[in-house]
Every structure is written in C-alpha cells, then in structure tokens.
Amino acid sequence: MTRNEILSIRSLQNRNERQQASRFVVEGVKGLIELGESDMEVVRIYCVDSMVKHIPPSLSVHAEVISPKEMSRISSLKTPPGLLATVAIPNFSASAILASSASQNNLHPLPFVLVADRVADPGNLGTLIRTADWFGMRGVFLTPGSTDPWSPKCVQASMGSIFRVPVTEMQPEDSELITSQKHYALDMQGNDYTLVKWKPGLIWVGSESHGIKTETNSMQFEKVHIPSRGGAESLNAGVAGSIVCSEIARVWGLN
C-alpha cells in the first residue's frame, strides 16, 4: 500500500472526511458477511492472508491482501480483525422513506420511522438502528446535531443493521412533508406507552440527559412515557426506543 492510500483510509475515521469522500469503513468477519448480503456498494476490501477465506464470494473481486503491519495502520481498532472494507455511503431521502411507509413492505412491515433527536452517543444510535431493523421499522431519521451513523463505533453497534435500514439526516426541504406526519415523542410527562393508539408515524427519541431538543413548534406531538417501577432515574435512548418499538410491534400483531 502507498502512504497516500493508508492516509486516505485512516482519514475515514473523521466525520468530515467521511462526508467529503462519501465513504465509511466496515471491519471484521461479521461486518463483511452482513455487507455481502446487502445492496451496499463496496469500494475495496483489505485483508491479511489468513483472513482471505472469510471474505464472502460475492465480494472477493474487491479484495486486496496486505501485510499485518499495513492492516494495523489502517484499522481503527486496537486489535485489528484483519478484514477491512471501504464502502460508499448510501443516499437516502426522507421523502422516499416516508413513501415506503405508505406502501406494503415485506422487509420493513411497520409503517413507522424512528427519529434520533440529537442522540450523541454512537452506541445508542447503533442500538436504535438495530432496533428499527429487528422490529421492521421503515427507517431512521436523524436531526442535526446527532452523532454520525457511519462512524466505526455506530456501524459496529448496529451489528449489520445499518446495511439494511435506510438512515438519513432530515433536511430543511423535508420539513413540510415531515410536519404532516403523526408524531410521537418519548417524554417523562407523556401517556403510558401501553395505552397509546399507535398510528403510522414518526417516533422521536431524544438523549437521556436532554430529551427532545430540536425546535418543533410546527409539529403536534403525542407524548409517550414508559412508567418506572423501580428506582432508576431514566433509560438511555437505545433502551427506551427498543421498549416502545416492541410495544408497537405487539399492537400491530408483528411481535
């Protein structure tokens, strides 16, 4: 590998560089397997000799064998797994995801979209994406100020779900369309989530510390609360979103 190639791949650990290059990194055997079963566009796969056998046949054309030393220089992990792929960031629009919510969809049958509102922790966002995948939600929207879904930590936390679930940041031009949807917001002052009449719409999940922070004066929210039976002060975004999605799947007969 040339020095420029190594620097180019390492630069993808930075959010701005990922956005400019429209590339992100996937590492490890499980990630490569999930990637091979998706529609994602693989740019290049780098592997050490002993890991060639783990590359899915459908992706072998993209593979290049490199030395362990080179792998350690391009990996973001302390113990590199020996497999690393660079992948094109897909371009999803909120309008397309909402349009799919109005149609029959066998892979994502629940006509709901999770909204991660300024969720800063990549582990929580990865969990929300994984939850959306598990329960068949149509996609995940991000508000400005949220962590990058294509960061190595978030990709790892999603456990491959980010390859299947459409994820996009909401744009100003989407505001009219998004405002017209039904909106639910997880809020300590809301109604018991088991008593809500869940209709197709957007489920807003904020951070554990701040809740919903995006200015939403033009939206009408139905506030939803998960009652506490113990002494914990709060639930993190990933856990709270998972509980609500499970209830929605139950109500809609998909759980």
C-alpha atoms as a PDB file:
ATOM      1  CA  MET A   1       0.000   0.000   0.000  1.00  0.00           C
ATOM      2  CA  THR A   2       1.169   3.516  -0.678  1.00  0.00           C
ATOM      3  CA  ARG A   3       1.396   6.107   2.067  1.00  0.00           C
ATOM      4  CA  ASN A   4      -1.405   8.091   0.428  1.00  0.00           C
ATOM      5  CA  GLU A   5      -3.682   5.035   0.396  1.00  0.00           C
ATOM      6  CA  ILE A   6      -3.057   4.440   4.081  1.00  0.00           C
ATOM      7  CA  LEU A   7      -3.680   8.094   4.949  1.00  0.00           C
ATOM      8  CA  SER A   8      -6.843   8.128   2.829  1.00  0.00           C
ATOM      9  CA  ILE A   9      -8.312   5.133   4.662  1.00  0.00           C
ATOM     10  CA  ARG A  10      -7.262   6.422   8.080  1.00  0.00           C
ATOM     11  CA  SER A  11      -8.898   9.762   7.300  1.00  0.00           C
ATOM     12  CA  LEU A  12     -12.262   7.978   7.183  1.00  0.00           C
ATOM     13  CA  GLN A  13     -12.140   7.834  10.975  1.00  0.00           C
ATOM     14  CA  ASN A  14     -13.014  11.548  10.807  1.00  0.00           C
ATOM     15  CA  ARG A  15     -16.627  12.588  10.194  1.00  0.00           C
ATOM     16  CA  ASN A  16     -15.854  15.450   7.828  1.00  0.00           C
ATOM     17  CA  GLU A  17     -13.571  13.251   5.757  1.00  0.00           C
ATOM     18  CA  ARG A  18     -16.246  10.548   5.544  1.00  0.00           C
ATOM     19  CA  GLN A  19     -18.766  13.086   4.335  1.00  0.00           C
ATOM     20  CA  GLN A  20     -16.423  14.555   1.744  1.00  0.00           C
ATOM     21  CA  ALA A  21     -15.346  11.167   0.418  1.00  0.00           C
ATOM     22  CA  SER A  22     -18.836   9.661   0.835  1.00  0.00           C
ATOM     23  CA  ARG A  23     -17.148   6.555   2.233  1.00  0.00           C
ATOM     24  CA  PHE A  24     -17.184   4.661   5.522  1.00  0.00           C
ATOM     25  CA  VAL A  25     -15.315   1.693   6.968  1.00  0.00           C
ATOM     26  CA  VAL A  26     -16.502  -1.778   7.969  1.00  0.00           C
ATOM     27  CA  GLU A  27     -14.228  -4.098   9.942  1.00  0.00           C
ATOM     28  CA  GLY A  28     -14.435  -7.734  10.991  1.00  0.00           C
ATOM     29  CA  VAL A  29     -15.845 -11.034   9.733  1.00  0.00           C
ATOM     30  CA  LYS A  30     -19.453 -10.430  10.815  1.00  0.00           C
ATOM     31  CA  GLY A  31     -19.480  -6.995   9.230  1.00  0.00           C
ATOM     32  CA  LEU A  32     -18.185  -8.382   5.934  1.00  0.00           C
ATOM     33  CA  ILE A  33     -20.748 -11.196   5.935  1.00  0.00           C
ATOM     34  CA  GLU A  34     -23.605  -8.754   6.566  1.00  0.00           C
ATOM     35  CA  LEU A  35     -22.162  -6.430   3.929  1.00  0.00           C
ATOM     36  CA  GLY A  36     -22.080  -9.239   1.376  1.00  0.00           C
ATOM     37  CA  GLU A  37     -25.808  -9.848   1.901  1.00  0.00           C
ATOM     38  CA  SER A  38     -26.706  -6.184   1.407  1.00  0.00           C
ATOM     39  CA  ASP A  39     -27.040  -3.832  -1.548  1.00  0.00           C
ATOM     40  CA  MET A  40     -24.246  -1.585  -0.305  1.00  0.00           C
ATOM     41  CA  GLU A  41     -21.581  -0.547  -2.826  1.00  0.00           C
ATOM     42  CA  VAL A  42     -18.222  -1.934  -1.712  1.00  0.00           C
ATOM     43  CA  VAL A  43     -15.255   0.135  -2.876  1.00  0.00           C
ATOM     44  CA  ARG A  44     -12.358  -2.010  -1.639  1.00  0.00           C
ATOM     45  CA  ILE A  45     -11.625  -4.826   0.818  1.00  0.00           C
ATOM     46  CA  TYR A  46      -8.269  -5.126   2.559  1.00  0.00           C
ATOM     47  CA  CYS A  47      -7.321  -8.339   4.344  1.00  0.00           C
ATOM     48  CA  VAL A  48      -4.339 -10.164   5.780  1.00  0.00           C
ATOM     49  CA  ASP A  49      -3.529 -13.502   4.164  1.00  0.00           C
ATOM     50  CA  SER A  50      -5.049 -15.636   6.930  1.00  0.00           C
ATOM     51  CA  MET A  51      -8.444 -13.894   6.597  1.00  0.00           C
ATOM     52  CA  VAL A  52      -8.978 -14.289   2.850  1.00  0.00           C
ATOM     53  CA  LYS A  53     -11.130 -17.372   3.469  1.00  0.00           C
ATOM     54  CA  HIS A  54     -13.662 -15.256   5.395  1.00  0.00           C
ATOM     55  CA  ILE A  55     -14.457 -12.900   2.522  1.00  0.00           C
ATOM     56  CA  PRO A  56     -17.909 -13.635   1.031  1.00  0.00           C
ATOM     57  CA  PRO A  57     -17.572 -14.937  -2.543  1.00  0.00           C
ATOM     58  CA  SER A  58     -19.735 -12.084  -3.814  1.00  0.00           C
ATOM     59  CA  LEU A  59     -17.148  -9.582  -2.528  1.00  0.00           C
ATOM     60  CA  SER A  60     -13.918 -11.393  -3.433  1.00  0.00           C
ATOM     61  CA  VAL A  61     -13.447  -9.319  -6.589  1.00  0.00           C
ATOM     62  CA  HIS A  62     -12.863  -6.271  -4.376  1.00  0.00           C
ATOM     63  CA  ALA A  63     -10.216  -7.915  -2.156  1.00  0.00           C
ATOM     64  CA  GLU A  64      -6.569  -6.976  -1.769  1.00  0.00           C
ATOM     65  CA  VAL A  65      -4.154  -8.837   0.505  1.00  0.00           C
ATOM     66  CA  ILE A  66      -1.968  -6.594   2.661  1.00  0.00           C
ATOM     67  CA  SER A  67       0.541  -7.173   5.452  1.00  0.00           C
ATOM     68  CA  PRO A  68      -0.414  -7.248   9.166  1.00  0.00           C
ATOM     69  CA  LYS A  69       1.630  -4.068   9.624  1.00  0.00           C
ATOM     70  CA  GLU A  70      -0.347  -2.274   6.918  1.00  0.00           C
ATOM     71  CA  MET A  71      -3.594  -3.542   8.439  1.00  0.00           C
ATOM     72  CA  SER A  72      -2.639  -2.139  11.838  1.00  0.00           C
ATOM     73  CA  ARG A  73      -2.007   1.240  10.218  1.00  0.00           C
ATOM     74  CA  ILE A  74      -5.436   1.480   8.562  1.00  0.00           C
ATOM     75  CA  SER A  75      -7.574  -0.097  11.296  1.00  0.00           C
ATOM     76  CA  SER A  76      -9.343   1.984  13.942  1.00  0.00           C
ATOM     77  CA  LEU A  77      -9.296  -0.941  16.408  1.00  0.00           C
ATOM     78  CA  LYS A  78      -6.603  -1.729  18.965  1.00  0.00           C
ATOM     79  CA  THR A  79      -6.634  -5.358  17.826  1.00  0.00           C
ATOM     80  CA  PRO A  80      -7.342  -5.304  14.082  1.00  0.00           C
ATOM     81  CA  PRO A  81      -9.521  -8.231  12.956  1.00  0.00           C
ATOM     82  CA  GLY A  82      -7.641  -8.490   9.669  1.00  0.00           C
ATOM     83  CA  LEU A  83     -10.570  -7.560   7.428  1.00  0.00           C
ATOM     84  CA  LEU A  84     -11.458  -4.002   6.473  1.00  0.00           C
ATOM     85  CA  ALA A  85     -13.748  -2.702   3.743  1.00  0.00           C
ATOM     86  CA  THR A  86     -14.355   0.800   2.455  1.00  0.00           C
ATOM     87  CA  VAL A  87     -17.968   1.295   1.414  1.00  0.00           C
ATOM     88  CA  ALA A  88     -19.923   4.036  -0.345  1.00  0.00           C
ATOM     89  CA  ILE A  89     -22.324   5.896   1.942  1.00  0.00           C
ATOM     90  CA  PRO A  90     -25.839   5.371   0.540  1.00  0.00           C
ATOM     91  CA  ASN A  91     -28.003   8.358  -0.280  1.00  0.00           C
ATOM     92  CA  PHE A  92     -31.500   8.047   1.177  1.00  0.00           C
ATOM     93  CA  SER A  93     -34.122  10.784   1.240  1.00  0.00           C
ATOM     94  CA  ALA A  94     -36.761  11.327   3.896  1.00  0.00           C
ATOM     95  CA  SER A  95     -39.435  11.544   1.211  1.00  0.00           C
ATOM     96  CA  ALA A  96     -38.524   8.129  -0.211  1.00  0.00           C
ATOM     97  CA  ILE A  97     -38.526   6.529   3.243  1.00  0.00           C
ATOM     98  CA  LEU A  98     -41.903   8.061   4.095  1.00  0.00           C
ATOM     99  CA  ALA A  99     -43.276   6.966   0.726  1.00  0.00           C
ATOM    100  CA  SER A 100     -42.277   3.404   1.566  1.00  0.00           C
ATOM    101  CA  SER A 101     -44.152   3.791   4.847  1.00  0.00           C
ATOM    102  CA  ALA A 102     -47.361   4.217   2.884  1.00  0.00           C
ATOM    103  CA  SER A 103     -46.858   1.030   0.845  1.00  0.00           C
ATOM    104  CA  GLN A 104     -46.598  -2.687   1.514  1.00  0.00           C
ATOM    105  CA  ASN A 105     -43.065  -3.605   2.521  1.00  0.00           C
ATOM    106  CA  ASN A 106     -42.176  -7.195   3.394  1.00  0.00           C
ATOM    107  CA  LEU A 107     -38.731  -6.435   4.817  1.00  0.00           C
ATOM    108  CA  HIS A 108     -39.871  -3.469   6.936  1.00  0.00           C
ATOM    109  CA  PRO A 109     -43.593  -4.052   7.521  1.00  0.00           C
ATOM    110  CA  LEU A 110     -44.220  -1.497  10.279  1.00  0.00           C
ATOM    111  CA  PRO A 111     -45.195   1.940   8.877  1.00  0.00           C
ATOM    112  CA  PHE A 112     -43.149   3.817  11.460  1.00  0.00           C
ATOM    113  CA  VAL A 113     -39.846   5.710  11.375  1.00  0.00           C
ATOM    114  CA  LEU A 114     -37.572   6.259  14.380  1.00  0.00           C
ATOM    115  CA  VAL A 115     -36.213   9.770  14.805  1.00  0.00           C
ATOM    116  CA  ALA A 116     -32.956  10.085  16.739  1.00  0.00           C
ATOM    117  CA  ASP A 117     -33.050  13.646  18.039  1.00  0.00           C
ATOM    118  CA  ARG A 118     -29.519  14.870  18.774  1.00  0.00           C
ATOM    119  CA  VAL A 119     -28.506  11.448  20.049  1.00  0.00           C
ATOM    120  CA  ALA A 120     -24.795  11.967  20.637  1.00  0.00           C
ATOM    121  CA  ASP A 121     -23.691   8.502  21.680  1.00  0.00           C
ATOM    122  CA  PRO A 122     -22.811   6.210  18.711  1.00  0.00           C
ATOM    123  CA  GLY A 123     -23.649   3.130  20.773  1.00  0.00           C
ATOM    124  CA  ASN A 124     -27.180   4.418  21.407  1.00  0.00           C
ATOM    125  CA  LEU A 125     -27.688   5.353  17.765  1.00  0.00           C
ATOM    126  CA  GLY A 126     -26.383   1.975  16.633  1.00  0.00           C
ATOM    127  CA  THR A 127     -28.828   0.314  19.032  1.00  0.00           C
ATOM    128  CA  LEU A 128     -31.733   2.360  17.643  1.00  0.00           C
ATOM    129  CA  ILE A 129     -30.810   1.349  14.088  1.00  0.00           C
ATOM    130  CA  ARG A 130     -30.571  -2.293  15.167  1.00  0.00           C
ATOM    131  CA  THR A 131     -33.932  -1.983  16.934  1.00  0.00           C
ATOM    132  CA  ALA A 132     -35.558  -0.481  13.822  1.00  0.00           C
ATOM    133  CA  ASP A 133     -34.247  -3.438  11.843  1.00  0.00           C
ATOM    134  CA  TRP A 134     -35.392  -6.028  14.386  1.00  0.00           C
ATOM    135  CA  PHE A 135     -38.959  -4.776  14.570  1.00  0.00           C
ATOM    136  CA  GLY A 136     -39.307  -3.928  10.879  1.00  0.00           C
ATOM    137  CA  MET A 137     -39.428  -0.133  11.082  1.00  0.00           C
ATOM    138  CA  ARG A 138     -39.126   1.677   7.741  1.00  0.00           C
ATOM    139  CA  GLY A 139     -36.064   3.737   8.596  1.00  0.00           C
ATOM    140  CA  VAL A 140     -34.243   6.065  10.968  1.00  0.00           C
ATOM    141  CA  PHE A 141     -34.162   9.858  10.682  1.00  0.00           C
ATOM    142  CA  LEU A 142     -31.511  11.991  12.368  1.00  0.00           C
ATOM    143  CA  THR A 143     -31.838  15.602  13.420  1.00  0.00           C
ATOM    144  CA  PRO A 144     -28.860  17.969  13.017  1.00  0.00           C
ATOM    145  CA  GLY A 145     -26.549  17.552  15.986  1.00  0.00           C
ATOM    146  CA  SER A 146     -26.839  13.772  16.120  1.00  0.00           C
ATOM    147  CA  THR A 147     -23.756  11.580  16.020  1.00  0.00           C
ATOM    148  CA  ASP A 148     -22.624  10.251  12.634  1.00  0.00           C
ATOM    149  CA  PRO A 149     -24.296   6.903  11.813  1.00  0.00           C
ATOM    150  CA  TRP A 150     -21.319   5.969   9.603  1.00  0.00           C
ATOM    151  CA  SER A 151     -18.707   6.264  12.346  1.00  0.00           C
ATOM    152  CA  PRO A 152     -16.888   2.985  13.127  1.00  0.00           C
ATOM    153  CA  LYS A 153     -18.447   2.799  16.607  1.00  0.00           C
ATOM    154  CA  CYS A 154     -22.002   3.280  15.338  1.00  0.00           C
ATOM    155  CA  VAL A 155     -21.540   0.823  12.461  1.00  0.00           C
ATOM    156  CA  GLN A 156     -20.246  -1.772  14.920  1.00  0.00           C
ATOM    157  CA  ALA A 157     -23.063  -1.098  17.400  1.00  0.00           C
ATOM    158  CA  SER A 158     -25.683  -1.600  14.697  1.00  0.00           C
ATOM    159  CA  MET A 159     -24.364  -5.158  14.159  1.00  0.00           C
ATOM    160  CA  GLY A 160     -25.027  -5.036  10.422  1.00  0.00           C
ATOM    161  CA  SER A 161     -28.476  -3.431  10.632  1.00  0.00           C
ATOM    162  CA  ILE A 162     -27.182  -0.185   9.138  1.00  0.00           C
ATOM    163  CA  PHE A 163     -26.722  -2.131   5.876  1.00  0.00           C
ATOM    164  CA  ARG A 164     -30.457  -2.855   5.747  1.00  0.00           C
ATOM    165  CA  VAL A 165     -32.239   0.083   7.387  1.00  0.00           C
ATOM    166  CA  PRO A 166     -32.401   3.402   5.484  1.00  0.00           C
ATOM    167  CA  VAL A 167     -30.803   6.131   7.600  1.00  0.00           C
ATOM    168  CA  THR A 168     -30.791   9.825   6.695  1.00  0.00           C
ATOM    169  CA  GLU A 169     -30.480  13.250   8.272  1.00  0.00           C
ATOM    170  CA  MET A 170     -33.595  15.387   7.972  1.00  0.00           C
ATOM    171  CA  GLN A 171     -33.139  18.360   5.652  1.00  0.00           C
ATOM    172  CA  PRO A 172     -34.922  21.770   5.635  1.00  0.00           C
ATOM    173  CA  GLU A 173     -36.656  20.868   2.381  1.00  0.00           C
ATOM    174  CA  ASP A 174     -38.240  17.886   4.159  1.00  0.00           C
ATOM    175  CA  SER A 175     -39.922  19.998   6.846  1.00  0.00           C
ATOM    176  CA  GLU A 176     -43.363  20.307   5.229  1.00  0.00           C
ATOM    177  CA  LEU A 177     -43.592  16.598   4.475  1.00  0.00           C
ATOM    178  CA  ILE A 178     -42.314  15.599   7.917  1.00  0.00           C
ATOM    179  CA  THR A 179     -44.626  18.042   9.708  1.00  0.00           C
ATOM    180  CA  SER A 180     -47.635  16.432   8.025  1.00  0.00           C
ATOM    181  CA  GLN A 181     -46.913  13.078   9.701  1.00  0.00           C
ATOM    182  CA  LYS A 182     -48.182  11.765  13.025  1.00  0.00           C
ATOM    183  CA  HIS A 183     -45.552  12.391  15.709  1.00  0.00           C
ATOM    184  CA  TYR A 184     -44.843  10.623  18.989  1.00  0.00           C
ATOM    185  CA  ALA A 185     -42.205  11.838  21.440  1.00  0.00           C
ATOM    186  CA  LEU A 186     -40.748   9.904  24.352  1.00  0.00           C
ATOM    187  CA  ASP A 187     -41.256  12.222  27.302  1.00  0.00           C
ATOM    188  CA  MET A 188     -41.417  11.762  31.066  1.00  0.00           C
ATOM    189  CA  GLN A 189     -44.706  13.710  31.110  1.00  0.00           C
ATOM    190  CA  GLY A 190     -46.381  11.629  28.414  1.00  0.00           C
ATOM    191  CA  ASN A 191     -49.084   8.967  28.426  1.00  0.00           C
ATOM    192  CA  ASP A 192     -48.362   5.364  29.348  1.00  0.00           C
ATOM    193  CA  TYR A 193     -46.937   3.791  26.181  1.00  0.00           C
ATOM    194  CA  THR A 194     -49.151   0.713  26.590  1.00  0.00           C
ATOM    195  CA  LEU A 195     -52.284   2.890  26.370  1.00  0.00           C
ATOM    196  CA  VAL A 196     -51.353   4.710  23.160  1.00  0.00           C
ATOM    197  CA  LYS A 197     -53.330   4.043  19.976  1.00  0.00           C
ATOM    198  CA  TRP A 198     -50.333   3.659  17.676  1.00  0.00           C
ATOM    199  CA  LYS A 199     -50.989   5.030  14.202  1.00  0.00           C
ATOM    200  CA  PRO A 200     -48.357   5.199  11.414  1.00  0.00           C
ATOM    201  CA  GLY A 201     -45.901   7.997  12.053  1.00  0.00           C
ATOM    202  CA  LEU A 202     -42.589   9.138  13.491  1.00  0.00           C
ATOM    203  CA  ILE A 203     -41.292   8.126  16.919  1.00  0.00           C
ATOM    204  CA  TRP A 204     -38.950  10.744  18.371  1.00  0.00           C
ATOM    205  CA  VAL A 205     -36.258   9.570  20.788  1.00  0.00           C
ATOM    206  CA  GLY A 206     -34.018  12.148  22.456  1.00  0.00           C
ATOM    207  CA  SER A 207     -30.916  11.788  24.568  1.00  0.00           C
ATOM    208  CA  GLU A 208     -31.161  10.500  28.124  1.00  0.00           C
ATOM    209  CA  SER A 209     -29.958  13.841  29.518  1.00  0.00           C
ATOM    210  CA  HIS A 210     -31.907  16.332  27.426  1.00  0.00           C
ATOM    211  CA  GLY A 211     -34.887  14.606  25.815  1.00  0.00           C
ATOM    212  CA  ILE A 212     -36.263  16.180  22.622  1.00  0.00           C
ATOM    213  CA  LYS A 213     -34.243  19.302  21.845  1.00  0.00           C
ATOM    214  CA  THR A 214     -34.992  20.123  18.203  1.00  0.00           C
ATOM    215  CA  GLU A 215     -37.262  23.145  17.684  1.00  0.00           C
ATOM    216  CA  THR A 216     -40.596  21.604  16.709  1.00  0.00           C
ATOM    217  CA  ASN A 217     -43.109  24.423  17.092  1.00  0.00           C
ATOM    218  CA  SER A 218     -44.846  23.444  13.858  1.00  0.00           C
ATOM    219  CA  MET A 219     -45.366  19.838  14.959  1.00  0.00           C
ATOM    220  CA  GLN A 220     -48.012  18.380  17.197  1.00  0.00           C
ATOM    221  CA  PHE A 221     -46.573  15.646  19.402  1.00  0.00           C
ATOM    222  CA  GLU A 222     -48.304  12.917  21.310  1.00  0.00           C
ATOM    223  CA  LYS A 223     -46.049  12.460  24.308  1.00  0.00           C
ATOM    224  CA  VAL A 224     -45.353   8.887  25.356  1.00  0.00           C
ATOM    225  CA  HIS A 225     -43.963   7.715  28.684  1.00  0.00           C
ATOM    226  CA  ILE A 226     -42.507   4.392  29.863  1.00  0.00           C
ATOM    227  CA  PRO A 227     -43.606   4.090  33.506  1.00  0.00           C
ATOM    228  CA  SER A 228     -40.935   3.307  36.079  1.00  0.00           C
ATOM    229  CA  ARG A 229     -41.464   0.578  38.687  1.00  0.00           C
ATOM    230  CA  GLY A 230     -38.045   0.865  40.275  1.00  0.00           C
ATOM    231  CA  GLY A 231     -35.531   3.476  41.313  1.00  0.00           C
ATOM    232  CA  ALA A 232     -33.640   4.206  38.088  1.00  0.00           C
ATOM    233  CA  GLU A 233     -33.686   7.876  37.137  1.00  0.00           C
ATOM    234  CA  SER A 234     -34.011   7.286  33.379  1.00  0.00           C
ATOM    235  CA  LEU A 235     -33.452   4.946  30.430  1.00  0.00           C
ATOM    236  CA  ASN A 236     -30.915   5.609  27.714  1.00  0.00           C
ATOM    237  CA  ALA A 237     -32.133   6.317  24.197  1.00  0.00           C
ATOM    238  CA  GLY A 238     -31.364   2.842  22.869  1.00  0.00           C
ATOM    239  CA  VAL A 239     -33.250   1.028  25.612  1.00  0.00           C
ATOM    240  CA  ALA A 240     -36.244   3.396  25.592  1.00  0.00           C
ATOM    241  CA  GLY A 241     -36.590   3.185  21.818  1.00  0.00           C
ATOM    242  CA  SER A 242     -36.425  -0.610  21.931  1.00  0.00           C
ATOM    243  CA  ILE A 243     -39.181  -0.876  24.542  1.00  0.00           C
ATOM    244  CA  VAL A 244     -41.543   1.362  22.571  1.00  0.00           C
ATOM    245  CA  CYS A 245     -40.827  -0.411  19.277  1.00  0.00           C
ATOM    246  CA  SER A 246     -41.584  -3.753  20.898  1.00  0.00           C
ATOM    247  CA  GLU A 247     -44.958  -2.437  22.057  1.00  0.00           C
ATOM    248  CA  ILE A 248     -45.774  -1.104  18.596  1.00  0.00           C
ATOM    249  CA  ALA A 249     -44.910  -4.477  17.057  1.00  0.00           C
ATOM    250  CA  ARG A 250     -47.188  -6.168  19.620  1.00  0.00           C
ATOM    251  CA  VAL A 251     -50.092  -3.820  18.909  1.00  0.00           C
ATOM    252  CA  TRP A 252     -49.711  -4.310  15.165  1.00  0.00           C
ATOM    253  CA  GLY A 253     -49.550  -8.083  15.563  1.00  0.00           C
ATOM    254  CA  LEU A 254     -45.965  -8.380  14.359  1.00  0.00           C
ATOM    255  CA  ASN A 255     -44.333  -9.492  17.599  1.00  0.00           C
END
